[in-house]
Amino acid sequence: MPSSYNCKMAKVAKIPIIDLASDSEQDQLRVAKELVEAAVEHGFIYIKNSGKDIPIEAVEGAFNLVIGIP
């Protein structure tokens, strides 16, 4: 990292990993609760087994909403 940056890097990041694979309604309820808890606690979530990739346009659109670009 160039010395002109004035930030610190985390040595360890603990990112909740939510597995969307579920076989029952009870699993779906568990996953929903995990998603809400992770979002509230950490503000960032890694989702696996979603069944499909998220299009880059959707990712860019979400990022632009966060930073305020129309």
PDB file of N, CA and C in Angstrom:
ATOM      1  N   MET A   1       0.852  -1.171   0.000  1.00  0.00           N
ATOM      2  CA  MET A   1       0.000   0.000   0.000  1.00  0.00           C
ATOM      3  C   MET A   1       0.897   1.233   0.000  1.00  0.00           C
ATOM      4  N   PRO A   2       0.653   2.217  -0.865  1.00  0.00           N
ATOM      5  CA  PRO A   2       1.464   3.423  -0.902  1.00  0.00           C
ATOM      6  C   PRO A   2       1.409   4.163   0.429  1.00  0.00           C
ATOM      7  N   SER A   3       2.487   4.818   0.775  1.00  0.00           N
ATOM      8  CA  SER A   3       2.560   5.518   2.052  1.00  0.00           C
ATOM      9  C   SER A   3       1.654   6.741   2.109  1.00  0.00           C
ATOM     10  N   SER A   4       1.098   7.189   0.983  1.00  0.00           N
ATOM     11  CA  SER A   4       0.219   8.355   0.977  1.00  0.00           C
ATOM     12  C   SER A   4      -1.149   8.051   1.590  1.00  0.00           C
ATOM     13  N   TYR A   5      -1.504   6.761   1.728  1.00  0.00           N
ATOM     14  CA  TYR A   5      -2.773   6.397   2.348  1.00  0.00           C
ATOM     15  C   TYR A   5      -2.644   6.493   3.855  1.00  0.00           C
ATOM     16  N   ASN A   6      -3.658   7.060   4.479  1.00  0.00           N
ATOM     17  CA  ASN A   6      -3.651   7.186   5.925  1.00  0.00           C
ATOM     18  C   ASN A   6      -4.750   6.300   6.505  1.00  0.00           C
ATOM     19  N   CYS A   7      -4.562   5.009   6.378  1.00  0.00           N
ATOM     20  CA  CYS A   7      -5.549   4.083   6.910  1.00  0.00           C
ATOM     21  C   CYS A   7      -4.834   2.859   7.464  1.00  0.00           C
ATOM     22  N   LYS A   8      -5.550   2.129   8.269  1.00  0.00           N
ATOM     23  CA  LYS A   8      -5.011   0.898   8.832  1.00  0.00           C
ATOM     24  C   LYS A   8      -5.737  -0.279   8.225  1.00  0.00           C
ATOM     25  N   MET A   9      -5.033  -1.348   8.009  1.00  0.00           N
ATOM     26  CA  MET A   9      -5.626  -2.569   7.472  1.00  0.00           C
ATOM     27  C   MET A   9      -5.912  -3.525   8.632  1.00  0.00           C
ATOM     28  N   ALA A  10      -7.053  -4.142   8.593  1.00  0.00           N
ATOM     29  CA  ALA A  10      -7.396  -5.132   9.600  1.00  0.00           C
ATOM     30  C   ALA A  10      -6.521  -6.357   9.423  1.00  0.00           C
ATOM     31  N   LYS A  11      -6.056  -6.901  10.517  1.00  0.00           N
ATOM     32  CA  LYS A  11      -5.250  -8.117  10.446  1.00  0.00           C
ATOM     33  C   LYS A  11      -6.121  -9.330  10.195  1.00  0.00           C
ATOM     34  N   VAL A  12      -7.317  -9.316  10.755  1.00  0.00           N
ATOM     35  CA  VAL A  12      -8.242 -10.431  10.575  1.00  0.00           C
ATOM     36  C   VAL A  12      -9.643  -9.848  10.382  1.00  0.00           C
ATOM     37  N   ALA A  13     -10.331 -10.325   9.384  1.00  0.00           N
ATOM     38  CA  ALA A  13     -11.710  -9.894   9.174  1.00  0.00           C
ATOM     39  C   ALA A  13     -12.631 -11.073   9.461  1.00  0.00           C
ATOM     40  N   LYS A  14     -13.621 -10.844  10.271  1.00  0.00           N
ATOM     41  CA  LYS A  14     -14.607 -11.881  10.571  1.00  0.00           C
ATOM     42  C   LYS A  14     -15.885 -11.517   9.829  1.00  0.00           C
ATOM     43  N   ILE A  15     -16.091 -12.188   8.714  1.00  0.00           N
ATOM     44  CA  ILE A  15     -17.253 -11.934   7.880  1.00  0.00           C
ATOM     45  C   ILE A  15     -18.197 -13.123   8.009  1.00  0.00           C
ATOM     46  N   PRO A  16     -19.444 -12.874   8.393  1.00  0.00           N
ATOM     47  CA  PRO A  16     -20.395 -13.986   8.501  1.00  0.00           C
ATOM     48  C   PRO A  16     -20.613 -14.633   7.131  1.00  0.00           C
ATOM     49  N   ILE A  17     -20.607 -15.942   7.092  1.00  0.00           N
ATOM     50  CA  ILE A  17     -20.874 -16.689   5.868  1.00  0.00           C
ATOM     51  C   ILE A  17     -22.232 -17.356   6.029  1.00  0.00           C
ATOM     52  N   ILE A  18     -23.162 -16.976   5.165  1.00  0.00           N
ATOM     53  CA  ILE A  18     -24.520 -17.509   5.228  1.00  0.00           C
ATOM     54  C   ILE A  18     -24.699 -18.491   4.083  1.00  0.00           C
ATOM     55  N   ASP A  19     -25.043 -19.721   4.419  1.00  0.00           N
ATOM     56  CA  ASP A  19     -25.269 -20.776   3.431  1.00  0.00           C
ATOM     57  C   ASP A  19     -26.757 -20.837   3.125  1.00  0.00           C
ATOM     58  N   LEU A  20     -27.137 -20.510   1.882  1.00  0.00           N
ATOM     59  CA  LEU A  20     -28.547 -20.470   1.508  1.00  0.00           C
ATOM     60  C   LEU A  20     -29.127 -21.831   1.165  1.00  0.00           C
ATOM     61  N   ALA A  21     -28.294 -22.853   1.136  1.00  0.00           N
ATOM     62  CA  ALA A  21     -28.802 -24.195   0.842  1.00  0.00           C
ATOM     63  C   ALA A  21     -29.723 -24.624   1.978  1.00  0.00           C
ATOM     64  N   SER A  22     -30.957 -24.929   1.641  1.00  0.00           N
ATOM     65  CA  SER A  22     -31.896 -25.375   2.672  1.00  0.00           C
ATOM     66  C   SER A  22     -32.833 -26.417   2.090  1.00  0.00           C
ATOM     67  N   ASP A  23     -33.237 -27.343   2.930  1.00  0.00           N
ATOM     68  CA  ASP A  23     -34.108 -28.438   2.502  1.00  0.00           C
ATOM     69  C   ASP A  23     -35.507 -28.344   3.086  1.00  0.00           C
ATOM     70  N   SER A  24     -35.686 -27.471   4.050  1.00  0.00           N
ATOM     71  CA  SER A  24     -36.986 -27.426   4.712  1.00  0.00           C
ATOM     72  C   SER A  24     -37.381 -25.994   5.029  1.00  0.00           C
ATOM     73  N   GLU A  25     -38.623 -25.823   5.425  1.00  0.00           N
ATOM     74  CA  GLU A  25     -39.108 -24.507   5.825  1.00  0.00           C
ATOM     75  C   GLU A  25     -38.386 -24.040   7.087  1.00  0.00           C
ATOM     76  N   GLN A  26     -38.053 -24.975   7.968  1.00  0.00           N
ATOM     77  CA  GLN A  26     -37.328 -24.641   9.188  1.00  0.00           C
ATOM     78  C   GLN A  26     -35.932 -24.116   8.841  1.00  0.00           C
ATOM     79  N   ASP A  27     -35.257 -24.722   7.857  1.00  0.00           N
ATOM     80  CA  ASP A  27     -33.958 -24.233   7.405  1.00  0.00           C
ATOM     81  C   ASP A  27     -34.077 -22.828   6.828  1.00  0.00           C
ATOM     82  N   GLN A  28     -35.144 -22.567   6.075  1.00  0.00           N
ATOM     83  CA  GLN A  28     -35.336 -21.246   5.491  1.00  0.00           C
ATOM     84  C   GLN A  28     -35.515 -20.193   6.577  1.00  0.00           C
ATOM     85  N   LEU A  29     -36.220 -20.522   7.637  1.00  0.00           N
ATOM     86  CA  LEU A  29     -36.395 -19.603   8.757  1.00  0.00           C
ATOM     87  C   LEU A  29     -35.053 -19.336   9.439  1.00  0.00           C
ATOM     88  N   ARG A  30     -34.256 -20.394   9.609  1.00  0.00           N
ATOM     89  CA  ARG A  30     -32.928 -20.237  10.202  1.00  0.00           C
ATOM     90  C   ARG A  30     -32.060 -19.317   9.354  1.00  0.00           C
ATOM     91  N   VAL A  31     -32.071 -19.534   8.042  1.00  0.00           N
ATOM     92  CA  VAL A  31     -31.274 -18.716   7.126  1.00  0.00           C
ATOM     93  C   VAL A  31     -31.721 -17.252   7.194  1.00  0.00           C
ATOM     94  N   ALA A  32     -33.027 -17.030   7.215  1.00  0.00           N
ATOM     95  CA  ALA A  32     -33.544 -15.659   7.292  1.00  0.00           C
ATOM     96  C   ALA A  32     -33.065 -14.964   8.560  1.00  0.00           C
ATOM     97  N   LYS A  33     -33.127 -15.669   9.676  1.00  0.00           N
ATOM     98  CA  LYS A  33     -32.663 -15.093  10.942  1.00  0.00           C
ATOM     99  C   LYS A  33     -31.163 -14.806  10.900  1.00  0.00           C
ATOM    100  N   GLU A  34     -30.390 -15.718  10.319  1.00  0.00           N
ATOM    101  CA  GLU A  34     -28.942 -15.514  10.206  1.00  0.00           C
ATOM    102  C   GLU A  34     -28.628 -14.297   9.346  1.00  0.00           C
ATOM    103  N   LEU A  35     -29.362 -14.108   8.240  1.00  0.00           N
ATOM    104  CA  LEU A  35     -29.140 -12.955   7.374  1.00  0.00           C
ATOM    105  C   LEU A  35     -29.381 -11.645   8.120  1.00  0.00           C
ATOM    106  N   VAL A  36     -30.489 -11.577   8.840  1.00  0.00           N
ATOM    107  CA  VAL A  36     -30.812 -10.356   9.577  1.00  0.00           C
ATOM    108  C   VAL A  36     -29.777 -10.096  10.664  1.00  0.00           C
ATOM    109  N   GLU A  37     -29.447 -11.109  11.435  1.00  0.00           N
ATOM    110  CA  GLU A  37     -28.468 -10.944  12.516  1.00  0.00           C
ATOM    111  C   GLU A  37     -27.107 -10.508  11.982  1.00  0.00           C
ATOM    112  N   ALA A  38     -26.666 -11.123  10.896  1.00  0.00           N
ATOM    113  CA  ALA A  38     -25.364 -10.782  10.321  1.00  0.00           C
ATOM    114  C   ALA A  38     -25.361  -9.356   9.787  1.00  0.00           C
ATOM    115  N   ALA A  39     -26.444  -8.954   9.127  1.00  0.00           N
ATOM    116  CA  ALA A  39     -26.516  -7.599   8.583  1.00  0.00           C
ATOM    117  C   ALA A  39     -26.504  -6.558   9.698  1.00  0.00           C
ATOM    118  N   VAL A  40     -27.236  -6.822  10.770  1.00  0.00           N
ATOM    119  CA  VAL A  40     -27.287  -5.889  11.892  1.00  0.00           C
ATOM    120  C   VAL A  40     -25.949  -5.833  12.619  1.00  0.00           C
ATOM    121  N   GLU A  41     -25.370  -6.995  12.890  1.00  0.00           N
ATOM    122  CA  GLU A  41     -24.122  -7.066  13.661  1.00  0.00           C
ATOM    123  C   GLU A  41     -22.898  -6.591  12.891  1.00  0.00           C
ATOM    124  N   HIS A  42     -22.805  -6.972  11.603  1.00  0.00           N
ATOM    125  CA  HIS A  42     -21.572  -6.759  10.855  1.00  0.00           C
ATOM    126  C   HIS A  42     -21.700  -5.812   9.671  1.00  0.00           C
ATOM    127  N   GLY A  43     -22.891  -5.696   9.107  1.00  0.00           N
ATOM    128  CA  GLY A  43     -23.094  -4.828   7.960  1.00  0.00           C
ATOM    129  C   GLY A  43     -22.550  -5.393   6.662  1.00  0.00           C
ATOM    130  N   PHE A  44     -22.002  -6.591   6.713  1.00  0.00           N
ATOM    131  CA  PHE A  44     -21.440  -7.230   5.527  1.00  0.00           C
ATOM    132  C   PHE A  44     -21.653  -8.720   5.665  1.00  0.00           C
ATOM    133  N   ILE A  45     -22.040  -9.362   4.551  1.00  0.00           N
ATOM    134  CA  ILE A  45     -22.358 -10.788   4.598  1.00  0.00           C
ATOM    135  C   ILE A  45     -21.788 -11.466   3.362  1.00  0.00           C
ATOM    136  N   TYR A  46     -21.233 -12.643   3.536  1.00  0.00           N
ATOM    137  CA  TYR A  46     -20.821 -13.487   2.417  1.00  0.00           C
ATOM    138  C   TYR A  46     -21.884 -14.562   2.266  1.00  0.00           C
ATOM    139  N   ILE A  47     -22.499 -14.605   1.086  1.00  0.00           N
ATOM    140  CA  ILE A  47     -23.564 -15.581   0.840  1.00  0.00           C
ATOM    141  C   ILE A  47     -23.042 -16.660  -0.090  1.00  0.00           C
ATOM    142  N   LYS A  48     -23.255 -17.930   0.299  1.00  0.00           N
ATOM    143  CA  LYS A  48     -22.858 -19.028  -0.577  1.00  0.00           C
ATOM    144  C   LYS A  48     -24.066 -19.908  -0.864  1.00  0.00           C
ATOM    145  N   ASN A  49     -23.973 -20.653  -1.961  1.00  0.00           N
ATOM    146  CA  ASN A  49     -25.042 -21.553  -2.402  1.00  0.00           C
ATOM    147  C   ASN A  49     -26.336 -20.816  -2.712  1.00  0.00           C
ATOM    148  N   SER A  50     -26.202 -19.654  -3.372  1.00  0.00           N
ATOM    149  CA  SER A  50     -27.412 -18.901  -3.737  1.00  0.00           C
ATOM    150  C   SER A  50     -28.096 -19.499  -4.955  1.00  0.00           C
ATOM    151  N   GLY A  51     -27.399 -20.348  -5.692  1.00  0.00           N
ATOM    152  CA  GLY A  51     -27.992 -20.983  -6.857  1.00  0.00           C
ATOM    153  C   GLY A  51     -27.728 -20.243  -8.144  1.00  0.00           C
ATOM    154  N   LYS A  52     -27.232 -19.025  -8.065  1.00  0.00           N
ATOM    155  CA  LYS A  52     -26.898 -18.281  -9.280  1.00  0.00           C
ATOM    156  C   LYS A  52     -25.942 -17.143  -8.929  1.00  0.00           C
ATOM    157  N   ASP A  53     -25.219 -16.680  -9.942  1.00  0.00           N
ATOM    158  CA  ASP A  53     -24.329 -15.545  -9.758  1.00  0.00           C
ATOM    159  C   ASP A  53     -25.124 -14.245  -9.826  1.00  0.00           C
ATOM    160  N   ILE A  54     -24.646 -13.251  -9.120  1.00  0.00           N
ATOM    161  CA  ILE A  54     -25.274 -11.935  -9.177  1.00  0.00           C
ATOM    162  C   ILE A  54     -24.640 -11.176 -10.340  1.00  0.00           C
ATOM    163  N   PRO A  55     -25.443 -10.662 -11.280  1.00  0.00           N
ATOM    164  CA  PRO A  55     -24.882  -9.938 -12.425  1.00  0.00           C
ATOM    165  C   PRO A  55     -24.085  -8.714 -11.965  1.00  0.00           C
ATOM    166  N   ILE A  56     -23.000  -8.428 -12.657  1.00  0.00           N
ATOM    167  CA  ILE A  56     -22.131  -7.303 -12.297  1.00  0.00           C
ATOM    168  C   ILE A  56     -22.911  -5.985 -12.292  1.00  0.00           C
ATOM    169  N   GLU A  57     -23.899  -5.855 -13.167  1.00  0.00           N
ATOM    170  CA  GLU A  57     -24.702  -4.633 -13.208  1.00  0.00           C
ATOM    171  C   GLU A  57     -25.452  -4.425 -11.887  1.00  0.00           C
ATOM    172  N   ALA A  58     -25.930  -5.520 -11.302  1.00  0.00           N
ATOM    173  CA  ALA A  58     -26.644  -5.433 -10.024  1.00  0.00           C
ATOM    174  C   ALA A  58     -25.688  -5.038  -8.899  1.00  0.00           C
ATOM    175  N   VAL A  59     -24.489  -5.583  -8.926  1.00  0.00           N
ATOM    176  CA  VAL A  59     -23.482  -5.233  -7.914  1.00  0.00           C
ATOM    177  C   VAL A  59     -23.107  -3.762  -8.043  1.00  0.00           C
ATOM    178  N   GLU A  60     -22.837  -3.324  -9.265  1.00  0.00           N
ATOM    179  CA  GLU A  60     -22.471  -1.918  -9.483  1.00  0.00           C
ATOM    180  C   GLU A  60     -23.619  -0.989  -9.094  1.00  0.00           C
ATOM    181  N   GLY A  61     -24.850  -1.371  -9.411  1.00  0.00           N
ATOM    182  CA  GLY A  61     -26.003  -0.561  -9.043  1.00  0.00           C
ATOM    183  C   GLY A  61     -26.142  -0.420  -7.540  1.00  0.00           C
ATOM    184  N   ALA A  62     -25.955  -1.513  -6.813  1.00  0.00           N
ATOM    185  CA  ALA A  62     -26.027  -1.471  -5.346  1.00  0.00           C
ATOM    186  C   ALA A  62     -24.908  -0.605  -4.782  1.00  0.00           C
ATOM    187  N   PHE A  63     -23.708  -0.733  -5.327  1.00  0.00           N
ATOM    188  CA  PHE A  63     -22.579   0.080  -4.868  1.00  0.00           C
ATOM    189  C   PHE A  63     -22.863   1.559  -5.111  1.00  0.00           C
ATOM    190  N   ASN A  64     -23.385   1.884  -6.299  1.00  0.00           N
ATOM    191  CA  ASN A  64     -23.686   3.284  -6.617  1.00  0.00           C
ATOM    192  C   ASN A  64     -24.754   3.856  -5.701  1.00  0.00           C
ATOM    193  N   LEU A  65     -25.720   3.041  -5.308  1.00  0.00           N
ATOM    194  CA  LEU A  65     -26.736   3.515  -4.354  1.00  0.00           C
ATOM    195  C   LEU A  65     -26.101   3.881  -3.017  1.00  0.00           C
ATOM    196  N   VAL A  66     -25.165   3.059  -2.585  1.00  0.00           N
ATOM    197  CA  VAL A  66     -24.516   3.292  -1.286  1.00  0.00           C
ATOM    198  C   VAL A  66     -23.699   4.577  -1.301  1.00  0.00           C
ATOM    199  N   ILE A  67     -22.993   4.828  -2.422  1.00  0.00           N
ATOM    200  CA  ILE A  67     -22.135   6.023  -2.454  1.00  0.00           C
ATOM    201  C   ILE A  67     -22.835   7.235  -3.039  1.00  0.00           C
ATOM    202  N   GLY A  68     -24.108   7.068  -3.448  1.00  0.00           N
ATOM    203  CA  GLY A  68     -24.918   8.206  -3.870  1.00  0.00           C
ATOM    204  C   GLY A  68     -24.783   8.608  -5.332  1.00  0.00           C
ATOM    205  N   ILE A  69     -24.383   7.710  -6.203  1.00  0.00           N
ATOM    206  CA  ILE A  69     -24.310   8.016  -7.626  1.00  0.00           C
ATOM    207  C   ILE A  69     -25.613   7.557  -8.269  1.00  0.00           C
ATOM    208  N   PRO A  70     -26.293   8.463  -9.004  1.00  0.00           N
ATOM    209  CA  PRO A  70     -27.559   8.061  -9.636  1.00  0.00           C
ATOM    210  C   PRO A  70     -27.371   7.066 -10.761  1.00  0.00           C
TER     211      PRO A  70
END
